[in-house]
Amino acid sequence: MVHISDPHFAERVRTSFDLQNAMHLIQAKLPIVEHGRTEIHLPHWPGVEQQHGFVHGGVVGMIADSAAGYAAMTMVPASASVLTV
């Protein structure tokens, strides 16, 4: 059985995500928040493309970094904080 240290982790993660201007800038959404798992979805639009029409690798890295950080945030107490470097 998995012990969830903060029963309100999903609300806490969503609130943090909503405060992240970078995610708003690229129009990313956070549809899934589960214990130990999050998903960030990004629409493919010209504002996130590189010169060949694909989503820029830097944008993909930004989303991966945020998704991993938020997944970690679901597993720590509400008094803790998560920061990737």
PDB file of N, CA and C in Angstrom:
ATOM      1  N   MET A   1       0.834  -1.182   0.000  1.00  0.00           N
ATOM      2  CA  MET A   1       0.000   0.000   0.000  1.00  0.00           C
ATOM      3  C   MET A   1       0.886   1.256   0.000  1.00  0.00           C
ATOM      4  N   VAL A   2       0.509   2.217  -0.791  1.00  0.00           N
ATOM      5  CA  VAL A   2       1.259   3.472  -0.900  1.00  0.00           C
ATOM      6  C   VAL A   2       0.715   4.473   0.107  1.00  0.00           C
ATOM      7  N   HIS A   3       1.614   5.057   0.871  1.00  0.00           N
ATOM      8  CA  HIS A   3       1.218   6.103   1.819  1.00  0.00           C
ATOM      9  C   HIS A   3       1.305   7.456   1.113  1.00  0.00           C
ATOM     10  N   ILE A   4       0.200   8.162   1.089  1.00  0.00           N
ATOM     11  CA  ILE A   4       0.173   9.491   0.475  1.00  0.00           C
ATOM     12  C   ILE A   4       0.301  10.515   1.590  1.00  0.00           C
ATOM     13  N   SER A   5       1.402  11.246   1.585  1.00  0.00           N
ATOM     14  CA  SER A   5       1.694  12.164   2.683  1.00  0.00           C
ATOM     15  C   SER A   5       0.814  13.409   2.679  1.00  0.00           C
ATOM     16  N   ASP A   6       0.283  13.771   1.546  1.00  0.00           N
ATOM     17  CA  ASP A   6      -0.584  14.954   1.444  1.00  0.00           C
ATOM     18  C   ASP A   6      -1.810  14.593   0.619  1.00  0.00           C
ATOM     19  N   PRO A   7      -2.966  14.403   1.258  1.00  0.00           N
ATOM     20  CA  PRO A   7      -4.158  14.017   0.504  1.00  0.00           C
ATOM     21  C   PRO A   7      -4.631  15.091  -0.478  1.00  0.00           C
ATOM     22  N   HIS A   8      -4.114  16.291  -0.351  1.00  0.00           N
ATOM     23  CA  HIS A   8      -4.509  17.399  -1.233  1.00  0.00           C
ATOM     24  C   HIS A   8      -3.425  17.704  -2.270  1.00  0.00           C
ATOM     25  N   PHE A   9      -2.590  16.709  -2.568  1.00  0.00           N
ATOM     26  CA  PHE A   9      -1.452  16.946  -3.468  1.00  0.00           C
ATOM     27  C   PHE A   9      -1.886  17.437  -4.843  1.00  0.00           C
ATOM     28  N   ALA A  10      -2.979  16.905  -5.379  1.00  0.00           N
ATOM     29  CA  ALA A  10      -3.392  17.292  -6.737  1.00  0.00           C
ATOM     30  C   ALA A  10      -3.756  18.773  -6.796  1.00  0.00           C
ATOM     31  N   GLU A  11      -4.485  19.233  -5.809  1.00  0.00           N
ATOM     32  CA  GLU A  11      -4.861  20.651  -5.766  1.00  0.00           C
ATOM     33  C   GLU A  11      -3.614  21.529  -5.629  1.00  0.00           C
ATOM     34  N   ARG A  12      -2.676  21.101  -4.803  1.00  0.00           N
ATOM     35  CA  ARG A  12      -1.440  21.851  -4.593  1.00  0.00           C
ATOM     36  C   ARG A  12      -0.622  21.932  -5.885  1.00  0.00           C
ATOM     37  N   VAL A  13      -0.545  20.821  -6.607  1.00  0.00           N
ATOM     38  CA  VAL A  13       0.202  20.798  -7.867  1.00  0.00           C
ATOM     39  C   VAL A  13      -0.479  21.679  -8.908  1.00  0.00           C
ATOM     40  N   ARG A  14      -1.793  21.569  -9.025  1.00  0.00           N
ATOM     41  CA  ARG A  14      -2.518  22.380 -10.017  1.00  0.00           C
ATOM     42  C   ARG A  14      -2.393  23.876  -9.719  1.00  0.00           C
ATOM     43  N   THR A  15      -2.443  24.232  -8.447  1.00  0.00           N
ATOM     44  CA  THR A  15      -2.287  25.637  -8.067  1.00  0.00           C
ATOM     45  C   THR A  15      -0.907  26.149  -8.468  1.00  0.00           C
ATOM     46  N   SER A  16       0.116  25.341  -8.213  1.00  0.00           N
ATOM     47  CA  SER A  16       1.473  25.726  -8.601  1.00  0.00           C
ATOM     48  C   SER A  16       1.599  25.858 -10.117  1.00  0.00           C
ATOM     49  N   PHE A  17       1.044  24.901 -10.837  1.00  0.00           N
ATOM     50  CA  PHE A  17       1.095  24.936 -12.305  1.00  0.00           C
ATOM     51  C   PHE A  17       0.437  26.206 -12.834  1.00  0.00           C
ATOM     52  N   ASP A  18      -0.696  26.573 -12.251  1.00  0.00           N
ATOM     53  CA  ASP A  18      -1.416  27.769 -12.696  1.00  0.00           C
ATOM     54  C   ASP A  18      -0.608  29.050 -12.487  1.00  0.00           C
ATOM     55  N   LEU A  19       0.346  29.022 -11.574  1.00  0.00           N
ATOM     56  CA  LEU A  19       1.183  30.195 -11.308  1.00  0.00           C
ATOM     57  C   LEU A  19       2.411  30.263 -12.214  1.00  0.00           C
ATOM     58  N   GLN A  20       2.620  29.243 -13.023  1.00  0.00           N
ATOM     59  CA  GLN A  20       3.825  29.173 -13.851  1.00  0.00           C
ATOM     60  C   GLN A  20       3.596  29.871 -15.193  1.00  0.00           C
ATOM     61  N   ASN A  21       4.090  31.080 -15.305  1.00  0.00           N
ATOM     62  CA  ASN A  21       3.880  31.872 -16.521  1.00  0.00           C
ATOM     63  C   ASN A  21       4.432  31.202 -17.770  1.00  0.00           C
ATOM     64  N   ALA A  22       5.527  30.474 -17.651  1.00  0.00           N
ATOM     65  CA  ALA A  22       6.124  29.817 -18.819  1.00  0.00           C
ATOM     66  C   ALA A  22       5.154  28.813 -19.435  1.00  0.00           C
ATOM     67  N   MET A  23       4.423  28.083 -18.611  1.00  0.00           N
ATOM     68  CA  MET A  23       3.466  27.105 -19.130  1.00  0.00           C
ATOM     69  C   MET A  23       2.297  27.806 -19.828  1.00  0.00           C
ATOM     70  N   HIS A  24       1.879  28.948 -19.280  1.00  0.00           N
ATOM     71  CA  HIS A  24       0.824  29.734 -19.945  1.00  0.00           C
ATOM     72  C   HIS A  24       1.319  30.245 -21.299  1.00  0.00           C
ATOM     73  N   LEU A  25       2.555  30.694 -21.337  1.00  0.00           N
ATOM     74  CA  LEU A  25       3.133  31.252 -22.555  1.00  0.00           C
ATOM     75  C   LEU A  25       3.098  30.250 -23.710  1.00  0.00           C
ATOM     76  N   ILE A  26       3.365  28.982 -23.423  1.00  0.00           N
ATOM     77  CA  ILE A  26       3.377  27.969 -24.485  1.00  0.00           C
ATOM     78  C   ILE A  26       2.040  27.233 -24.608  1.00  0.00           C
ATOM     79  N   GLN A  27       1.038  27.664 -23.835  1.00  0.00           N
ATOM     80  CA  GLN A  27      -0.324  27.108 -23.873  1.00  0.00           C
ATOM     81  C   GLN A  27      -0.390  25.652 -23.404  1.00  0.00           C
ATOM     82  N   ALA A  28       0.486  25.285 -22.480  1.00  0.00           N
ATOM     83  CA  ALA A  28       0.501  23.918 -21.949  1.00  0.00           C
ATOM     84  C   ALA A  28      -0.625  23.729 -20.938  1.00  0.00           C
ATOM     85  N   LYS A  29      -1.091  22.504 -20.821  1.00  0.00           N
ATOM     86  CA  LYS A  29      -2.159  22.136 -19.882  1.00  0.00           C
ATOM     87  C   LYS A  29      -1.676  20.974 -19.018  1.00  0.00           C
ATOM     88  N   LEU A  30      -2.259  20.848 -17.841  1.00  0.00           N
ATOM     89  CA  LEU A  30      -1.923  19.776 -16.902  1.00  0.00           C
ATOM     90  C   LEU A  30      -3.171  18.923 -16.656  1.00  0.00           C
ATOM     91  N   PRO A  31      -3.491  17.996 -17.565  1.00  0.00           N
ATOM     92  CA  PRO A  31      -4.730  17.228 -17.423  1.00  0.00           C
ATOM     93  C   PRO A  31      -4.657  16.077 -16.420  1.00  0.00           C
ATOM     94  N   ILE A  32      -3.459  15.570 -16.129  1.00  0.00           N
ATOM     95  CA  ILE A  32      -3.350  14.400 -15.258  1.00  0.00           C
ATOM     96  C   ILE A  32      -2.402  14.686 -14.106  1.00  0.00           C
ATOM     97  N   VAL A  33      -2.922  14.536 -12.890  1.00  0.00           N
ATOM     98  CA  VAL A  33      -2.113  14.629 -11.675  1.00  0.00           C
ATOM     99  C   VAL A  33      -2.491  13.441 -10.810  1.00  0.00           C
ATOM    100  N   GLU A  34      -1.577  12.492 -10.690  1.00  0.00           N
ATOM    101  CA  GLU A  34      -1.773  11.306  -9.860  1.00  0.00           C
ATOM    102  C   GLU A  34      -0.566  11.173  -8.945  1.00  0.00           C
ATOM    103  N   HIS A  35      -0.681  10.350  -7.930  1.00  0.00           N
ATOM    104  CA  HIS A  35       0.445  10.152  -7.017  1.00  0.00           C
ATOM    105  C   HIS A  35       1.635   9.582  -7.788  1.00  0.00           C
ATOM    106  N   GLY A  36       2.695  10.364  -7.895  1.00  0.00           N
ATOM    107  CA  GLY A  36       3.896   9.938  -8.597  1.00  0.00           C
ATOM    108  C   GLY A  36       3.870  10.120 -10.097  1.00  0.00           C
ATOM    109  N   ARG A  37       2.824  10.759 -10.623  1.00  0.00           N
ATOM    110  CA  ARG A  37       2.703  10.889 -12.082  1.00  0.00           C
ATOM    111  C   ARG A  37       1.939  12.154 -12.453  1.00  0.00           C
ATOM    112  N   THR A  38       2.464  12.869 -13.435  1.00  0.00           N
ATOM    113  CA  THR A  38       1.728  13.982 -14.037  1.00  0.00           C
ATOM    114  C   THR A  38       1.938  13.933 -15.545  1.00  0.00           C
ATOM    115  N   GLU A  39       1.031  14.547 -16.261  1.00  0.00           N
ATOM    116  CA  GLU A  39       1.187  14.720 -17.708  1.00  0.00           C
ATOM    117  C   GLU A  39       0.924  16.170 -18.045  1.00  0.00           C
ATOM    118  N   ILE A  40       1.796  16.728 -18.839  1.00  0.00           N
ATOM    119  CA  ILE A  40       1.597  18.072 -19.369  1.00  0.00           C
ATOM    120  C   ILE A  40       1.400  17.923 -20.866  1.00  0.00           C
ATOM    121  N   HIS A  41       0.317  18.481 -21.366  1.00  0.00           N
ATOM    122  CA  HIS A  41       0.015  18.413 -22.798  1.00  0.00           C
ATOM    123  C   HIS A  41       0.261  19.779 -23.430  1.00  0.00           C
ATOM    124  N   LEU A  42       0.732  19.740 -24.661  1.00  0.00           N
ATOM    125  CA  LEU A  42       1.058  20.958 -25.392  1.00  0.00           C
ATOM    126  C   LEU A  42       0.438  20.901 -26.774  1.00  0.00           C
ATOM    127  N   PRO A  43      -0.356  21.906 -27.140  1.00  0.00           N
ATOM    128  CA  PRO A  43      -0.836  21.935 -28.520  1.00  0.00           C
ATOM    129  C   PRO A  43       0.317  22.302 -29.455  1.00  0.00           C
ATOM    130  N   HIS A  44       0.301  21.707 -30.632  1.00  0.00           N
ATOM    131  CA  HIS A  44       1.320  22.051 -31.640  1.00  0.00           C
ATOM    132  C   HIS A  44       0.819  23.292 -32.366  1.00  0.00           C
ATOM    133  N   TRP A  45       1.509  24.379 -32.167  1.00  0.00           N
ATOM    134  CA  TRP A  45       1.152  25.649 -32.805  1.00  0.00           C
ATOM    135  C   TRP A  45       2.444  26.376 -33.169  1.00  0.00           C
ATOM    136  N   PRO A  46       2.386  27.333 -34.090  1.00  0.00           N
ATOM    137  CA  PRO A  46       3.597  27.990 -34.590  1.00  0.00           C
ATOM    138  C   PRO A  46       4.484  28.607 -33.509  1.00  0.00           C
ATOM    139  N   GLY A  47       3.908  29.033 -32.407  1.00  0.00           N
ATOM    140  CA  GLY A  47       4.691  29.671 -31.350  1.00  0.00           C
ATOM    141  C   GLY A  47       5.678  28.757 -30.644  1.00  0.00           C
ATOM    142  N   VAL A  48       5.556  27.438 -30.826  1.00  0.00           N
ATOM    143  CA  VAL A  48       6.476  26.498 -30.166  1.00  0.00           C
ATOM    144  C   VAL A  48       7.347  25.744 -31.169  1.00  0.00           C
ATOM    145  N   GLU A  49       7.258  26.130 -32.438  1.00  0.00           N
ATOM    146  CA  GLU A  49       7.997  25.423 -33.490  1.00  0.00           C
ATOM    147  C   GLU A  49       9.398  25.983 -33.696  1.00  0.00           C
ATOM    148  N   GLN A  50      10.291  25.104 -34.168  1.00  0.00           N
ATOM    149  CA  GLN A  50      11.584  25.548 -34.669  1.00  0.00           C
ATOM    150  C   GLN A  50      11.441  25.781 -36.173  1.00  0.00           C
ATOM    151  N   GLN A  51      12.536  26.068 -36.845  1.00  0.00           N
ATOM    152  CA  GLN A  51      12.484  26.497 -38.246  1.00  0.00           C
ATOM    153  C   GLN A  51      11.981  25.439 -39.220  1.00  0.00           C
ATOM    154  N   HIS A  52      11.940  24.170 -38.815  1.00  0.00           N
ATOM    155  CA  HIS A  52      11.467  23.107 -39.703  1.00  0.00           C
ATOM    156  C   HIS A  52      10.019  22.706 -39.426  1.00  0.00           C
ATOM    157  N   GLY A  53       9.362  23.417 -38.524  1.00  0.00           N
ATOM    158  CA  GLY A  53       7.958  23.149 -38.246  1.00  0.00           C
ATOM    159  C   GLY A  53       7.697  22.137 -37.146  1.00  0.00           C
ATOM    160  N   PHE A  54       8.745  21.654 -36.501  1.00  0.00           N
ATOM    161  CA  PHE A  54       8.581  20.717 -35.387  1.00  0.00           C
ATOM    162  C   PHE A  54       8.616  21.481 -34.067  1.00  0.00           C
ATOM    163  N   VAL A  55       8.060  20.876 -33.016  1.00  0.00           N
ATOM    164  CA  VAL A  55       8.144  21.502 -31.697  1.00  0.00           C
ATOM    165  C   VAL A  55       9.624  21.585 -31.306  1.00  0.00           C
ATOM    166  N   HIS A  56      10.033  22.742 -30.864  1.00  0.00           N
ATOM    167  CA  HIS A  56      11.430  22.995 -30.509  1.00  0.00           C
ATOM    168  C   HIS A  56      11.849  22.112 -29.333  1.00  0.00           C
ATOM    169  N   GLY A  57      13.055  21.573 -29.392  1.00  0.00           N
ATOM    170  CA  GLY A  57      13.567  20.710 -28.333  1.00  0.00           C
ATOM    171  C   GLY A  57      13.624  21.390 -26.980  1.00  0.00           C
ATOM    172  N   GLY A  58      13.873  22.681 -26.971  1.00  0.00           N
ATOM    173  CA  GLY A  58      13.891  23.420 -25.712  1.00  0.00           C
ATOM    174  C   GLY A  58      12.530  23.439 -25.047  1.00  0.00           C
ATOM    175  N   VAL A  59      11.481  23.503 -25.853  1.00  0.00           N
ATOM    176  CA  VAL A  59      10.117  23.471 -25.323  1.00  0.00           C
ATOM    177  C   VAL A  59       9.823  22.084 -24.755  1.00  0.00           C
ATOM    178  N   VAL A  60      10.245  21.045 -25.471  1.00  0.00           N
ATOM    179  CA  VAL A  60      10.058  19.671 -24.980  1.00  0.00           C
ATOM    180  C   VAL A  60      10.787  19.492 -23.652  1.00  0.00           C
ATOM    181  N   GLY A  61      12.013  20.000 -23.569  1.00  0.00           N
ATOM    182  CA  GLY A  61      12.774  19.914 -22.325  1.00  0.00           C
ATOM    183  C   GLY A  61      12.105  20.655 -21.185  1.00  0.00           C
ATOM    184  N   MET A  62      11.534  21.814 -21.490  1.00  0.00           N
ATOM    185  CA  MET A  62      10.839  22.600 -20.479  1.00  0.00           C
ATOM    186  C   MET A  62       9.648  21.833 -19.914  1.00  0.00           C
ATOM    187  N   ILE A  63       8.898  21.186 -20.798  1.00  0.00           N
ATOM    188  CA  ILE A  63       7.740  20.412 -20.359  1.00  0.00           C
ATOM    189  C   ILE A  63       8.180  19.190 -19.552  1.00  0.00           C
ATOM    190  N   ALA A  64       9.216  18.500 -20.012  1.00  0.00           N
ATOM    191  CA  ALA A  64       9.715  17.323 -19.289  1.00  0.00           C
ATOM    192  C   ALA A  64      10.182  17.709 -17.888  1.00  0.00           C
ATOM    193  N   ASP A  65      10.894  18.823 -17.782  1.00  0.00           N
ATOM    194  CA  ASP A  65      11.369  19.305 -16.491  1.00  0.00           C
ATOM    195  C   ASP A  65      10.200  19.595 -15.551  1.00  0.00           C
ATOM    196  N   SER A  66       9.191  20.284 -16.048  1.00  0.00           N
ATOM    197  CA  SER A  66       8.041  20.626 -15.214  1.00  0.00           C
ATOM    198  C   SER A  66       7.237  19.392 -14.826  1.00  0.00           C
ATOM    199  N   ALA A  67       7.018  18.492 -15.768  1.00  0.00           N
ATOM    200  CA  ALA A  67       6.251  17.277 -15.469  1.00  0.00           C
ATOM    201  C   ALA A  67       6.957  16.436 -14.409  1.00  0.00           C
ATOM    202  N   ALA A  68       8.277  16.300 -14.521  1.00  0.00           N
ATOM    203  CA  ALA A  68       9.031  15.530 -13.523  1.00  0.00           C
ATOM    204  C   ALA A  68       8.985  16.206 -12.158  1.00  0.00           C
ATOM    205  N   GLY A  69       9.137  17.512 -12.144  1.00  0.00           N
ATOM    206  CA  GLY A  69       9.067  18.243 -10.881  1.00  0.00           C
ATOM    207  C   GLY A  69       7.708  18.120 -10.225  1.00  0.00           C
ATOM    208  N   TYR A  70       6.652  18.230 -11.016  1.00  0.00           N
ATOM    209  CA  TYR A  70       5.310  18.107 -10.448  1.00  0.00           C
ATOM    210  C   TYR A  70       5.005  16.681 -10.010  1.00  0.00           C
ATOM    211  N   ALA A  71       5.525  15.688 -10.711  1.00  0.00           N
ATOM    212  CA  ALA A  71       5.359  14.299 -10.266  1.00  0.00           C
ATOM    213  C   ALA A  71       6.031  14.114  -8.908  1.00  0.00           C
ATOM    214  N   ALA A  72       7.222  14.685  -8.744  1.00  0.00           N
ATOM    215  CA  ALA A  72       7.903  14.616  -7.449  1.00  0.00           C
ATOM    216  C   ALA A  72       7.099  15.334  -6.375  1.00  0.00           C
ATOM    217  N   MET A  73       6.495  16.455  -6.742  1.00  0.00           N
ATOM    218  CA  MET A  73       5.717  17.243  -5.786  1.00  0.00           C
ATOM    219  C   MET A  73       4.517  16.467  -5.242  1.00  0.00           C
ATOM    220  N   THR A  74       3.995  15.524  -6.025  1.00  0.00           N
ATOM    221  CA  THR A  74       2.849  14.729  -5.553  1.00  0.00           C
ATOM    222  C   THR A  74       3.245  13.772  -4.437  1.00  0.00           C
ATOM    223  N   MET A  75       4.541  13.559  -4.255  1.00  0.00           N
ATOM    224  CA  MET A  75       5.010  12.541  -3.316  1.00  0.00           C
ATOM    225  C   MET A  75       5.653  13.105  -2.047  1.00  0.00           C
ATOM    226  N   VAL A  76       5.683  14.410  -1.918  1.00  0.00           N
ATOM    227  CA  VAL A  76       6.303  15.014  -0.736  1.00  0.00           C
ATOM    228  C   VAL A  76       5.236  15.687   0.119  1.00  0.00           C
ATOM    229  N   PRO A  77       5.530  15.902   1.402  1.00  0.00           N
ATOM    230  CA  PRO A  77       4.568  16.592   2.263  1.00  0.00           C
ATOM    231  C   PRO A  77       4.291  18.009   1.759  1.00  0.00           C
ATOM    232  N   ALA A  78       3.160  18.544   2.143  1.00  0.00           N
ATOM    233  CA  ALA A  78       2.770  19.893   1.719  1.00  0.00           C
ATOM    234  C   ALA A  78       3.788  20.941   2.165  1.00  0.00           C
ATOM    235  N   SER A  79       4.505  20.676   3.231  1.00  0.00           N
ATOM    236  CA  SER A  79       5.490  21.634   3.742  1.00  0.00           C
ATOM    237  C   SER A  79       6.788  21.624   2.935  1.00  0.00           C
ATOM    238  N   ALA A  80       6.944  20.634   2.058  1.00  0.00           N
ATOM    239  CA  ALA A  80       8.172  20.511   1.264  1.00  0.00           C
ATOM    240  C   ALA A  80       8.031  21.245  -0.059  1.00  0.00           C
ATOM    241  N   SER A  81       9.161  21.454  -0.692  1.00  0.00           N
ATOM    242  CA  SER A  81       9.180  22.121  -1.981  1.00  0.00           C
ATOM    243  C   SER A  81      10.073  21.322  -2.919  1.00  0.00           C
ATOM    244  N   VAL A  82       9.819  21.428  -4.216  1.00  0.00           N
ATOM    245  CA  VAL A  82      10.590  20.691  -5.216  1.00  0.00           C
ATOM    246  C   VAL A  82      11.182  21.697  -6.197  1.00  0.00           C
ATOM    247  N   LEU A  83      12.452  21.519  -6.507  1.00  0.00           N
ATOM    248  CA  LEU A  83      13.128  22.388  -7.465  1.00  0.00           C
ATOM    249  C   LEU A  83      14.093  21.537  -8.277  1.00  0.00           C
ATOM    250  N   THR A  84      14.004  21.635  -9.595  1.00  0.00           N
ATOM    251  CA  THR A  84      14.964  20.930 -10.439  1.00  0.00           C
ATOM    252  C   THR A  84      16.034  21.913 -10.875  1.00  0.00           C
ATOM    253  N   VAL A  85      17.247  21.419 -11.015  1.00  0.00           N
ATOM    254  CA  VAL A  85      18.355  22.282 -11.448  1.00  0.00           C
ATOM    255  C   VAL A  85      19.157  21.589 -12.533  1.00  0.00           C
TER     256      VAL A  85
END
